[in-house]
Protein backbone atom coordinates (compact mmCIF):
# COMPACT_ATOMS: atom_id res chain seq x y z
CA UNK A 1 80.75 86.60 92.31
CA UNK A 2 79.65 89.16 94.51
CA UNK A 3 81.18 92.01 96.17
CA UNK A 4 80.26 90.47 99.47
CA UNK A 5 81.74 86.97 98.78
CA UNK A 6 85.15 88.48 97.73
CA UNK A 7 85.77 90.84 100.61
CA UNK A 8 85.03 90.81 104.51
CA UNK A 9 85.07 93.66 106.65
CA UNK A 10 86.44 93.44 110.27
CA UNK A 11 86.80 95.76 113.02
CA UNK A 12 90.26 97.37 114.06
CA UNK A 13 90.12 97.55 117.29
CA UNK A 14 93.87 98.52 118.63
CA UNK A 15 97.29 99.57 117.12
CA UNK A 16 98.93 96.50 117.63
CA UNK A 17 96.82 94.54 115.19
CA UNK A 18 99.03 92.83 112.74
CA UNK A 19 96.53 94.70 110.33
CA UNK A 20 97.64 98.30 111.91
CA UNK A 21 100.61 98.97 109.40
CA UNK A 22 98.80 98.04 106.25
CA UNK A 23 95.29 100.56 107.14
CA UNK A 24 97.96 103.01 108.33
CA UNK A 25 99.89 102.90 104.73
CA UNK A 26 96.22 103.19 102.83
CA UNK A 27 94.92 106.33 105.04
CA UNK A 28 99.15 108.02 104.26
CA UNK A 29 98.93 106.99 100.81
CA UNK A 30 94.80 108.42 100.63
CA UNK A 31 94.39 111.22 102.61
CA UNK A 32 95.72 114.71 102.03
CA UNK A 33 98.57 115.91 103.96
CA UNK A 34 97.06 119.02 104.98
CA UNK A 35 93.97 116.66 106.39
CA UNK A 36 96.25 114.02 108.02
CA UNK A 37 96.17 113.38 111.96
CA UNK A 38 99.31 112.44 113.68
CA UNK A 39 99.52 108.85 113.82
CA UNK A 40 99.88 109.29 117.42
CA UNK A 41 96.34 110.59 116.50
CA UNK A 42 95.51 107.71 115.11
CA UNK A 43 96.28 105.01 117.13
CA UNK A 44 94.69 106.47 120.30
CA UNK A 45 91.56 106.84 117.71
CA UNK A 46 91.58 102.68 117.38
CA UNK A 47 90.66 102.21 121.42
CA UNK A 48 88.18 105.34 122.03
CA UNK A 49 85.24 103.89 122.39
CA UNK A 50 83.43 106.91 120.49
CA UNK A 51 84.55 105.55 117.46
CA UNK A 52 84.23 102.53 115.26
CA UNK A 53 87.73 102.04 112.21
CA UNK A 54 85.92 99.50 110.02
CA UNK A 55 88.47 97.64 108.00
CA UNK A 56 87.73 96.21 104.15
CA UNK A 57 90.06 92.91 103.80
CA UNK A 58 90.93 90.84 100.89
CA UNK A 59 91.76 87.63 102.58
CA UNK A 60 93.83 88.57 105.22
CA UNK A 61 95.04 92.03 104.11
CA UNK A 62 94.16 95.03 104.31
CA UNK A 63 92.67 97.51 101.50
CA UNK A 64 90.28 99.65 102.61
CA UNK A 65 88.91 101.06 106.06
CA UNK A 66 86.50 103.80 107.21
CA UNK A 67 87.01 105.34 110.57
CA UNK A 68 83.69 106.56 112.09
CA UNK A 69 83.51 109.24 114.72
CA UNK A 70 79.64 107.77 116.59
CA UNK A 71 79.13 109.32 119.98
CA UNK A 72 77.37 107.75 122.55
CA UNK A 73 73.60 109.45 123.10
CA UNK A 74 74.43 112.04 120.01
CA UNK A 75 71.98 112.48 117.12
CA UNK A 76 74.88 112.22 114.35
CA UNK A 77 77.56 110.19 113.31
CA UNK A 78 81.00 111.59 111.22
CA UNK A 79 82.92 109.49 108.89
CA UNK A 80 86.33 111.28 109.21
CA UNK A 81 87.85 109.40 106.83
CA UNK A 82 87.31 106.18 104.48
CA UNK A 83 90.09 105.26 101.79
CA UNK A 84 90.22 102.11 99.69
CA UNK A 85 93.80 101.08 98.61
CA UNK A 86 95.16 102.68 94.59
CA UNK A 87 95.03 99.12 93.45
CA UNK A 88 91.72 98.29 93.96
CA UNK A 89 89.79 101.89 93.42
CA UNK A 90 86.93 102.13 90.86
CA UNK A 91 85.39 98.17 91.66
CA UNK A 92 82.28 99.64 93.41
CA UNK A 93 84.02 98.41 96.93
CA UNK A 94 84.16 102.61 98.04
CA UNK A 95 80.18 102.61 97.40
CA UNK A 96 80.47 99.14 99.85
CA UNK A 97 82.62 100.36 102.38
CA UNK A 98 80.51 102.95 102.56
CA UNK A 99 77.10 101.90 102.99
CA UNK A 100 78.21 98.97 105.56
CA UNK A 101 80.24 100.88 107.17
CA UNK A 102 76.36 103.00 107.99
CA UNK A 103 74.89 99.83 108.24
CA UNK A 104 77.43 98.59 111.06
CA UNK A 105 76.05 101.79 113.30
CA UNK A 106 72.04 101.66 112.62
CA UNK A 107 71.57 97.72 113.22
CA UNK A 108 73.06 98.75 116.97
CA UNK A 109 71.50 102.53 117.11
CA UNK A 110 69.22 103.12 114.42
CA UNK A 111 69.27 105.85 112.43
CA UNK A 112 71.85 109.07 112.49
CA UNK A 113 72.47 111.53 110.60
CA UNK A 114 75.37 111.16 109.25
CA UNK A 115 78.02 114.16 108.57
CA UNK A 116 81.08 113.91 106.19
CA UNK A 117 83.43 116.15 105.87
CA UNK A 118 84.15 116.74 101.88
CA UNK A 119 86.86 118.76 100.38
CA UNK A 120 84.68 121.45 98.12
CA UNK A 121 84.56 121.71 94.19
CA UNK A 122 83.70 125.20 94.65
CA UNK A 123 87.37 126.13 95.56
CA UNK A 124 89.59 126.19 92.90
CA UNK A 125 92.77 124.15 93.20
CA UNK A 126 94.87 121.45 91.51
CA UNK A 127 92.05 118.90 92.28
CA UNK A 128 89.07 120.17 91.97
CA UNK A 129 87.91 117.36 89.22
CA UNK A 130 88.73 114.74 91.82
CA UNK A 131 86.98 117.02 94.49
CA UNK A 132 83.67 116.85 92.42
CA UNK A 133 83.80 113.09 91.44
CA UNK A 134 84.18 112.45 95.32
CA UNK A 135 80.72 114.78 96.08
CA UNK A 136 78.97 113.19 92.64
CA UNK A 137 80.20 109.63 94.44
CA UNK A 138 78.48 110.87 97.68
CA UNK A 139 75.76 112.66 95.89
CA UNK A 140 74.74 108.84 94.51
CA UNK A 141 74.60 107.52 97.96
CA UNK A 142 71.56 109.60 98.49
CA UNK A 143 74.16 113.04 100.97
CA UNK A 144 73.04 116.03 100.57
CA UNK A 145 75.70 119.37 101.39
CA UNK A 146 74.51 121.38 104.27
CA UNK A 147 73.46 125.24 102.28
CA UNK A 148 75.23 128.41 103.44
CA UNK A 149 77.56 126.76 105.27
CA UNK A 150 81.46 127.14 104.80
CA UNK A 151 83.01 124.28 106.95
CA UNK A 152 86.09 124.83 108.43
CA UNK A 153 88.26 122.43 109.34
CA UNK A 154 90.15 122.83 112.50
CA UNK A 155 93.93 120.70 112.10
CA UNK A 156 96.71 122.31 112.51
CA UNK A 157 99.11 122.34 109.05
CA UNK A 158 101.29 124.01 107.07
CA UNK A 159 99.43 126.95 104.82
CA UNK A 160 95.72 127.14 105.40
CA UNK A 161 93.24 124.87 105.31
CA UNK A 162 91.01 123.46 101.87
CA UNK A 163 87.30 125.16 101.55
CA UNK A 164 85.80 122.24 102.34
CA UNK A 165 81.63 121.41 102.76
CA UNK A 166 79.59 119.03 105.47
CA UNK A 167 77.65 116.55 103.74
CA UNK A 168 74.28 114.37 104.89
CA UNK A 169 73.40 111.05 104.69
CA UNK A 170 69.60 110.54 104.95
CA UNK A 171 69.31 107.04 105.33
CA UNK A 172 65.08 107.07 105.41
CA UNK A 173 62.83 109.15 106.57
CA UNK A 174 64.84 111.53 108.93
CA UNK A 175 63.92 114.67 111.20
CA UNK A 176 64.62 117.92 110.10
CA UNK A 177 67.53 119.45 111.54
CA UNK A 178 67.66 122.71 113.39
CA UNK A 179 70.46 125.86 113.03
CA UNK A 180 70.84 124.76 116.96
CA UNK A 181 71.04 121.06 116.49
CA UNK A 182 73.63 121.77 114.18
CA UNK A 183 75.27 123.98 116.00
CA UNK A 184 75.82 121.32 119.03
CA UNK A 185 77.12 119.01 116.89
CA UNK A 186 80.13 120.88 115.45
CA UNK A 187 80.21 122.10 119.33
CA UNK A 188 80.19 118.20 119.74
CA UNK A 189 82.68 117.32 116.22
CA UNK A 190 85.16 120.28 117.31
CA UNK A 191 85.85 119.98 121.15
CA UNK A 192 85.45 115.95 120.84
CA UNK A 193 86.92 114.92 117.79
CA UNK A 194 89.67 117.80 116.81
CA UNK A 195 90.43 119.16 120.82
CA UNK A 196 89.17 122.99 120.48
CA UNK A 197 87.45 124.75 122.51
CA UNK A 198 83.10 124.18 122.11
CA UNK A 199 83.24 127.85 122.17
CA UNK A 200 85.45 128.52 119.22
CA UNK A 201 84.30 131.25 117.39
CA UNK A 202 84.77 129.70 114.17
CA UNK A 203 81.90 127.19 115.20
CA UNK A 204 79.84 131.10 115.03
CA UNK A 205 81.04 131.73 111.93
CA UNK A 206 80.26 129.07 110.56
CA UNK A 207 76.50 128.57 111.28
CA UNK A 208 75.96 132.67 110.76
CA UNK A 209 73.67 132.48 107.36
CA UNK A 210 72.62 129.18 108.23
CA UNK A 211 68.51 129.33 108.59
CA UNK A 212 66.46 127.02 110.34
CA UNK A 213 65.67 124.52 109.51
CA UNK A 214 68.67 123.89 107.97
CA UNK A 215 68.32 123.73 104.05
CA UNK A 216 69.83 120.91 102.57
CA UNK A 217 71.21 120.49 98.80
């Protein structure tokens, strides 16, 4: 039996959905604490028209999810979070969830550049091997890293944010990314995803060494 026949996908449209607690439990278990948003923020995402929350279910139980920031009239979307319950990992479900997440967007909007915030495997850390495997996972799906960009995650929390990379999902032949376009995307992400100023000085620092067009590696 195929993965598609065993599992179903359902959108989460409200924090009052019976599956919300299952979804949020996976979120807390899977996402590093330093990279988590508050529960109230996650609840608000479910009803935000700029977001799509997709649940992966087995029977009626949520076992995975993706949270995609997909603002209308923009040429990009951001896979903000994606995770599968620990009991269902290494079964190919993450790959299927990733592809289905973007498939749903492309069917409604057409191909757009998909951005992903990924912990960098170039930083010395206790979970460096996990980071390396995660990077390889996304590369096998066709994602490339934006060269010379040290992405700064603007989430409040204890301690410094982890060193991160911004990767791009290229589903077919999409146009090259200009430096100005990348700067605009970062401003939208900072202002609409993280409630920071679109003129946050960290944006200028991030793109300081970026070429034009943007180099992907």
